[in-house]
Amino acid sequence: MSFFIADAMAQAPAGAAQEPSLLGFLPLVVIFIVFWFLLIRPQQKRAKEHRQMVENLAKGDEVVTTGGLLGRITKLGENFVVVEIAEGIEVKVQKQMVASLMPKGTSKSL
C-alpha cells in the first residue's frame, strides 16, 4: 500500500523546537549577489556613461538618435538639441534620445 500513499514522517518531540537555519537563506543571498553583478551593476554603469555623454554633447558632434537618425548637432538647448540630418533639414530631438556619438566625418562618408 506504500506504493500509493507516502509514508508519514515522524514529528520532532514537542519540547524540541526547530531553529530556523541560516543555511536556508544562503541560496537567496547567492542569487541576489549573482543578479547584482550580472544585471544591476552593468546597467547602472551604462546609465552613468550615457548621462555623462549627454552632458558633454557639443555643437558639431555627430550623433545617432534612438530612432536611428544620423546627423550633426547644430544647436544645443537645455533639454533639446537640433540635429541636421541632411543639407538644410533639421530635426529637434530630446537630449536623452541621443544614443551614441559617432566619429567625425561619419555622416559624410555615407
N, C-alpha and C. Protein backbone atom coordinates (compact mmCIF):
# COMPACT_ATOMS: atom_id res chain seq x y z
N MET A 1 0.82 -1.19 0.00
CA MET A 1 0.00 0.00 0.00
C MET A 1 0.86 1.26 0.00
N SER A 2 2.14 1.16 0.38
CA SER A 2 3.01 2.32 0.41
C SER A 2 3.30 2.83 -1.00
N PHE A 3 2.93 2.06 -1.98
CA PHE A 3 3.10 2.49 -3.37
C PHE A 3 2.20 3.68 -3.68
N PHE A 4 0.98 3.68 -3.13
CA PHE A 4 0.01 4.75 -3.40
C PHE A 4 0.03 5.87 -2.37
N ILE A 5 0.45 5.56 -1.16
CA ILE A 5 0.42 6.55 -0.08
C ILE A 5 1.84 6.73 0.45
N ALA A 6 2.27 7.98 0.53
CA ALA A 6 3.61 8.24 1.03
C ALA A 6 3.67 7.94 2.52
N ASP A 7 4.80 7.44 2.96
CA ASP A 7 4.99 7.15 4.37
C ASP A 7 5.01 8.45 5.17
N ALA A 8 4.40 8.41 6.36
CA ALA A 8 4.37 9.60 7.22
C ALA A 8 5.72 9.76 7.89
N MET A 9 6.18 11.01 7.94
CA MET A 9 7.45 11.29 8.59
C MET A 9 7.18 11.57 10.06
N ALA A 10 8.08 11.14 10.91
CA ALA A 10 7.90 11.34 12.34
C ALA A 10 8.13 12.81 12.69
N GLN A 11 7.30 13.33 13.57
CA GLN A 11 7.45 14.71 14.00
C GLN A 11 8.48 14.80 15.11
N ALA A 12 9.06 15.98 15.27
CA ALA A 12 10.02 16.20 16.35
C ALA A 12 9.26 16.18 17.67
N PRO A 13 9.92 15.79 18.75
CA PRO A 13 9.27 15.81 20.06
C PRO A 13 8.73 17.21 20.38
N ALA A 14 7.68 17.28 21.18
CA ALA A 14 7.00 18.54 21.48
C ALA A 14 7.92 19.54 22.16
N GLY A 15 8.85 19.11 22.96
CA GLY A 15 9.73 20.01 23.68
C GLY A 15 10.84 20.59 22.82
N ALA A 16 11.18 19.97 21.72
CA ALA A 16 12.29 20.42 20.89
C ALA A 16 11.76 21.27 19.74
N ALA A 17 12.00 22.55 19.80
CA ALA A 17 11.56 23.45 18.73
C ALA A 17 12.65 23.49 17.66
N GLN A 18 12.25 23.49 16.41
CA GLN A 18 13.22 23.53 15.33
C GLN A 18 13.66 24.97 15.09
N GLU A 19 14.95 25.20 15.09
CA GLU A 19 15.53 26.52 14.86
C GLU A 19 15.57 26.77 13.35
N PRO A 20 15.23 27.99 12.94
CA PRO A 20 15.37 28.29 11.52
C PRO A 20 16.86 28.31 11.15
N SER A 21 17.19 27.66 10.10
CA SER A 21 18.59 27.52 9.71
C SER A 21 19.01 28.67 8.81
N LEU A 22 20.17 29.21 9.08
CA LEU A 22 20.72 30.26 8.23
C LEU A 22 21.13 29.70 6.87
N LEU A 23 21.34 28.40 6.83
CA LEU A 23 21.69 27.77 5.56
C LEU A 23 20.54 27.86 4.56
N GLY A 24 19.33 28.01 5.03
CA GLY A 24 18.18 28.14 4.15
C GLY A 24 18.18 29.47 3.40
N PHE A 25 18.80 30.50 3.98
CA PHE A 25 18.87 31.81 3.33
C PHE A 25 20.05 31.92 2.37
N LEU A 26 20.99 31.02 2.45
CA LEU A 26 22.19 31.08 1.62
C LEU A 26 21.87 31.10 0.12
N PRO A 27 20.98 30.27 -0.40
CA PRO A 27 20.68 30.34 -1.84
C PRO A 27 20.09 31.68 -2.26
N LEU A 28 19.26 32.29 -1.41
CA LEU A 28 18.70 33.60 -1.74
C LEU A 28 19.79 34.67 -1.81
N VAL A 29 20.72 34.61 -0.88
CA VAL A 29 21.82 35.57 -0.87
C VAL A 29 22.69 35.39 -2.11
N VAL A 30 22.98 34.16 -2.45
CA VAL A 30 23.80 33.89 -3.63
C VAL A 30 23.10 34.37 -4.91
N ILE A 31 21.80 34.14 -5.03
CA ILE A 31 21.05 34.60 -6.20
C ILE A 31 21.07 36.12 -6.28
N PHE A 32 20.90 36.81 -5.15
CA PHE A 32 20.95 38.27 -5.15
C PHE A 32 22.31 38.77 -5.59
N ILE A 33 23.38 38.16 -5.11
CA ILE A 33 24.74 38.58 -5.48
C ILE A 33 24.96 38.37 -6.98
N VAL A 34 24.50 37.25 -7.52
CA VAL A 34 24.65 36.98 -8.95
C VAL A 34 23.87 38.02 -9.76
N PHE A 35 22.63 38.32 -9.36
CA PHE A 35 21.85 39.35 -10.05
C PHE A 35 22.56 40.70 -9.99
N TRP A 36 23.13 41.03 -8.85
CA TRP A 36 23.81 42.31 -8.69
C TRP A 36 24.95 42.44 -9.69
N PHE A 37 25.80 41.42 -9.77
CA PHE A 37 26.98 41.53 -10.63
C PHE A 37 26.68 41.31 -12.11
N LEU A 38 25.64 40.55 -12.43
CA LEU A 38 25.35 40.28 -13.84
C LEU A 38 24.30 41.20 -14.45
N LEU A 39 23.41 41.78 -13.66
CA LEU A 39 22.33 42.60 -14.22
C LEU A 39 22.34 44.04 -13.72
N ILE A 40 22.29 44.23 -12.43
CA ILE A 40 22.09 45.57 -11.87
C ILE A 40 23.32 46.45 -12.06
N ARG A 41 24.48 45.96 -11.70
CA ARG A 41 25.70 46.76 -11.77
C ARG A 41 26.05 47.19 -13.19
N PRO A 42 26.03 46.30 -14.19
CA PRO A 42 26.31 46.74 -15.56
C PRO A 42 25.29 47.75 -16.10
N GLN A 43 24.03 47.59 -15.72
CA GLN A 43 23.01 48.54 -16.17
C GLN A 43 23.25 49.92 -15.56
N GLN A 44 23.62 49.99 -14.30
CA GLN A 44 23.92 51.27 -13.67
C GLN A 44 25.14 51.92 -14.32
N LYS A 45 26.12 51.11 -14.69
CA LYS A 45 27.32 51.63 -15.33
C LYS A 45 27.00 52.22 -16.70
N ARG A 46 26.17 51.52 -17.50
CA ARG A 46 25.77 52.03 -18.82
C ARG A 46 24.96 53.32 -18.68
N ALA A 47 24.08 53.39 -17.69
CA ALA A 47 23.28 54.60 -17.48
C ALA A 47 24.18 55.78 -17.10
N LYS A 48 25.19 55.55 -16.29
CA LYS A 48 26.11 56.61 -15.90
C LYS A 48 26.91 57.10 -17.10
N GLU A 49 27.38 56.18 -17.94
CA GLU A 49 28.12 56.56 -19.14
C GLU A 49 27.24 57.36 -20.11
N HIS A 50 25.97 56.96 -20.26
CA HIS A 50 25.06 57.69 -21.15
C HIS A 50 24.80 59.09 -20.61
N ARG A 51 24.60 59.21 -19.31
CA ARG A 51 24.37 60.51 -18.69
C ARG A 51 25.56 61.44 -18.92
N GLN A 52 26.79 60.92 -18.77
CA GLN A 52 27.98 61.73 -19.00
C GLN A 52 28.10 62.13 -20.47
N MET A 53 27.77 61.21 -21.38
CA MET A 53 27.83 61.51 -22.80
C MET A 53 26.84 62.62 -23.16
N VAL A 54 25.64 62.57 -22.61
CA VAL A 54 24.62 63.59 -22.90
C VAL A 54 25.06 64.95 -22.34
N GLU A 55 25.68 64.96 -21.17
CA GLU A 55 26.14 66.22 -20.58
C GLU A 55 27.26 66.85 -21.40
N ASN A 56 28.07 66.02 -22.07
CA ASN A 56 29.23 66.52 -22.81
C ASN A 56 28.96 66.75 -24.29
N LEU A 57 27.70 66.72 -24.72
CA LEU A 57 27.39 66.98 -26.12
C LEU A 57 27.79 68.41 -26.48
N ALA A 58 28.29 68.57 -27.69
CA ALA A 58 28.72 69.89 -28.14
C ALA A 58 28.26 70.11 -29.58
N LYS A 59 28.21 71.37 -29.97
CA LYS A 59 27.83 71.73 -31.33
C LYS A 59 28.87 71.14 -32.30
N GLY A 60 28.39 70.51 -33.35
CA GLY A 60 29.27 69.90 -34.33
C GLY A 60 29.49 68.41 -34.13
N ASP A 61 29.07 67.86 -32.99
CA ASP A 61 29.19 66.42 -32.75
C ASP A 61 28.24 65.66 -33.68
N GLU A 62 28.70 64.55 -34.18
CA GLU A 62 27.84 63.68 -34.99
C GLU A 62 27.28 62.60 -34.09
N VAL A 63 25.95 62.45 -34.13
CA VAL A 63 25.26 61.56 -33.19
C VAL A 63 24.27 60.67 -33.93
N VAL A 64 23.90 59.58 -33.25
CA VAL A 64 22.81 58.71 -33.69
C VAL A 64 21.76 58.77 -32.59
N THR A 65 20.50 58.98 -32.98
CA THR A 65 19.42 59.02 -32.01
C THR A 65 18.87 57.62 -31.80
N THR A 66 18.03 57.46 -30.78
CA THR A 66 17.42 56.16 -30.53
C THR A 66 16.47 55.78 -31.65
N GLY A 67 16.00 56.74 -32.42
CA GLY A 67 15.15 56.46 -33.57
C GLY A 67 15.93 56.06 -34.81
N GLY A 68 17.28 56.14 -34.73
CA GLY A 68 18.11 55.71 -35.84
C GLY A 68 18.55 56.83 -36.76
N LEU A 69 18.28 58.08 -36.41
CA LEU A 69 18.70 59.20 -37.24
C LEU A 69 20.17 59.52 -36.99
N LEU A 70 20.91 59.69 -38.09
CA LEU A 70 22.32 60.07 -38.01
C LEU A 70 22.43 61.51 -38.46
N GLY A 71 23.08 62.35 -37.66
CA GLY A 71 23.23 63.74 -38.04
C GLY A 71 24.22 64.47 -37.18
N ARG A 72 24.35 65.77 -37.47
CA ARG A 72 25.29 66.63 -36.78
C ARG A 72 24.52 67.64 -35.94
N ILE A 73 24.96 67.86 -34.70
CA ILE A 73 24.29 68.81 -33.81
C ILE A 73 24.60 70.22 -34.28
N THR A 74 23.53 71.02 -34.49
CA THR A 74 23.72 72.41 -34.90
C THR A 74 23.39 73.38 -33.78
N LYS A 75 22.47 73.03 -32.90
CA LYS A 75 22.10 73.90 -31.77
C LYS A 75 21.90 73.04 -30.53
N LEU A 76 22.30 73.59 -29.40
CA LEU A 76 22.13 72.90 -28.11
C LEU A 76 21.22 73.73 -27.22
N GLY A 77 20.26 73.08 -26.60
CA GLY A 77 19.42 73.70 -25.60
C GLY A 77 19.59 72.96 -24.29
N GLU A 78 18.80 73.35 -23.31
CA GLU A 78 18.90 72.68 -22.01
C GLU A 78 18.36 71.25 -22.08
N ASN A 79 17.22 71.07 -22.77
CA ASN A 79 16.61 69.74 -22.86
C ASN A 79 16.58 69.19 -24.28
N PHE A 80 16.80 70.04 -25.28
CA PHE A 80 16.69 69.61 -26.67
C PHE A 80 17.95 69.97 -27.44
N VAL A 81 18.20 69.22 -28.52
CA VAL A 81 19.26 69.54 -29.47
C VAL A 81 18.63 69.57 -30.86
N VAL A 82 19.21 70.37 -31.74
CA VAL A 82 18.78 70.39 -33.13
C VAL A 82 19.83 69.64 -33.93
N VAL A 83 19.38 68.60 -34.64
CA VAL A 83 20.27 67.74 -35.40
C VAL A 83 20.00 67.93 -36.88
N GLU A 84 21.06 68.23 -37.63
CA GLU A 84 20.94 68.35 -39.08
C GLU A 84 21.17 66.96 -39.68
N ILE A 85 20.10 66.40 -40.28
CA ILE A 85 20.20 65.04 -40.81
C ILE A 85 20.54 65.03 -42.30
N ALA A 86 20.32 66.14 -42.98
CA ALA A 86 20.70 66.31 -44.37
C ALA A 86 20.89 67.80 -44.59
N GLU A 87 21.44 68.17 -45.72
CA GLU A 87 21.67 69.58 -46.02
C GLU A 87 20.35 70.35 -45.96
N GLY A 88 20.23 71.25 -44.99
CA GLY A 88 19.05 72.08 -44.86
C GLY A 88 17.88 71.44 -44.13
N ILE A 89 18.02 70.20 -43.67
CA ILE A 89 16.94 69.52 -42.96
C ILE A 89 17.39 69.32 -41.51
N GLU A 90 16.66 69.97 -40.60
CA GLU A 90 17.00 69.89 -39.18
C GLU A 90 15.83 69.31 -38.39
N VAL A 91 16.16 68.56 -37.36
CA VAL A 91 15.17 67.91 -36.51
C VAL A 91 15.50 68.25 -35.06
N LYS A 92 14.47 68.61 -34.29
CA LYS A 92 14.67 68.87 -32.87
C LYS A 92 14.43 67.57 -32.11
N VAL A 93 15.40 67.20 -31.26
CA VAL A 93 15.38 65.92 -30.55
C VAL A 93 15.70 66.17 -29.08
N GLN A 94 15.07 65.41 -28.20
CA GLN A 94 15.43 65.48 -26.78
C GLN A 94 16.87 65.00 -26.60
N LYS A 95 17.57 65.63 -25.68
CA LYS A 95 18.96 65.24 -25.43
C LYS A 95 19.07 63.77 -25.01
N GLN A 96 18.13 63.31 -24.20
CA GLN A 96 18.18 61.93 -23.69
C GLN A 96 18.01 60.90 -24.81
N MET A 97 17.49 61.32 -25.96
CA MET A 97 17.26 60.39 -27.06
C MET A 97 18.48 60.23 -27.96
N VAL A 98 19.57 60.89 -27.62
CA VAL A 98 20.83 60.68 -28.34
C VAL A 98 21.41 59.37 -27.83
N ALA A 99 21.55 58.40 -28.74
CA ALA A 99 22.01 57.08 -28.33
C ALA A 99 23.53 56.99 -28.25
N SER A 100 24.22 57.57 -29.23
CA SER A 100 25.67 57.46 -29.21
C SER A 100 26.32 58.55 -30.06
N LEU A 101 27.57 58.81 -29.75
CA LEU A 101 28.39 59.72 -30.54
C LEU A 101 29.08 58.92 -31.63
N MET A 102 29.22 59.54 -32.78
CA MET A 102 29.91 58.90 -33.90
C MET A 102 31.21 59.66 -34.17
N PRO A 103 32.19 59.00 -34.80
CA PRO A 103 33.42 59.71 -35.15
C PRO A 103 33.14 60.82 -36.17
N LYS A 104 33.94 61.88 -36.14
CA LYS A 104 33.77 62.99 -37.08
C LYS A 104 33.88 62.48 -38.51
N GLY A 105 33.01 62.97 -39.37
CA GLY A 105 33.03 62.61 -40.79
C GLY A 105 32.20 61.37 -41.13
N THR A 106 31.53 60.79 -40.17
CA THR A 106 30.75 59.56 -40.42
C THR A 106 29.59 59.85 -41.36
N SER A 107 28.89 60.95 -41.15
CA SER A 107 27.71 61.24 -41.99
C SER A 107 28.11 61.60 -43.41
N LYS A 108 29.29 62.14 -43.62
CA LYS A 108 29.74 62.48 -44.98
C LYS A 108 30.16 61.25 -45.75
N SER A 109 30.62 60.22 -45.04
CA SER A 109 31.08 59.01 -45.72
C SER A 109 29.93 58.12 -46.18
N LEU A 110 28.71 58.40 -45.72
CA LEU A 110 27.57 57.57 -46.11
C LEU A 110 26.91 58.07 -47.33
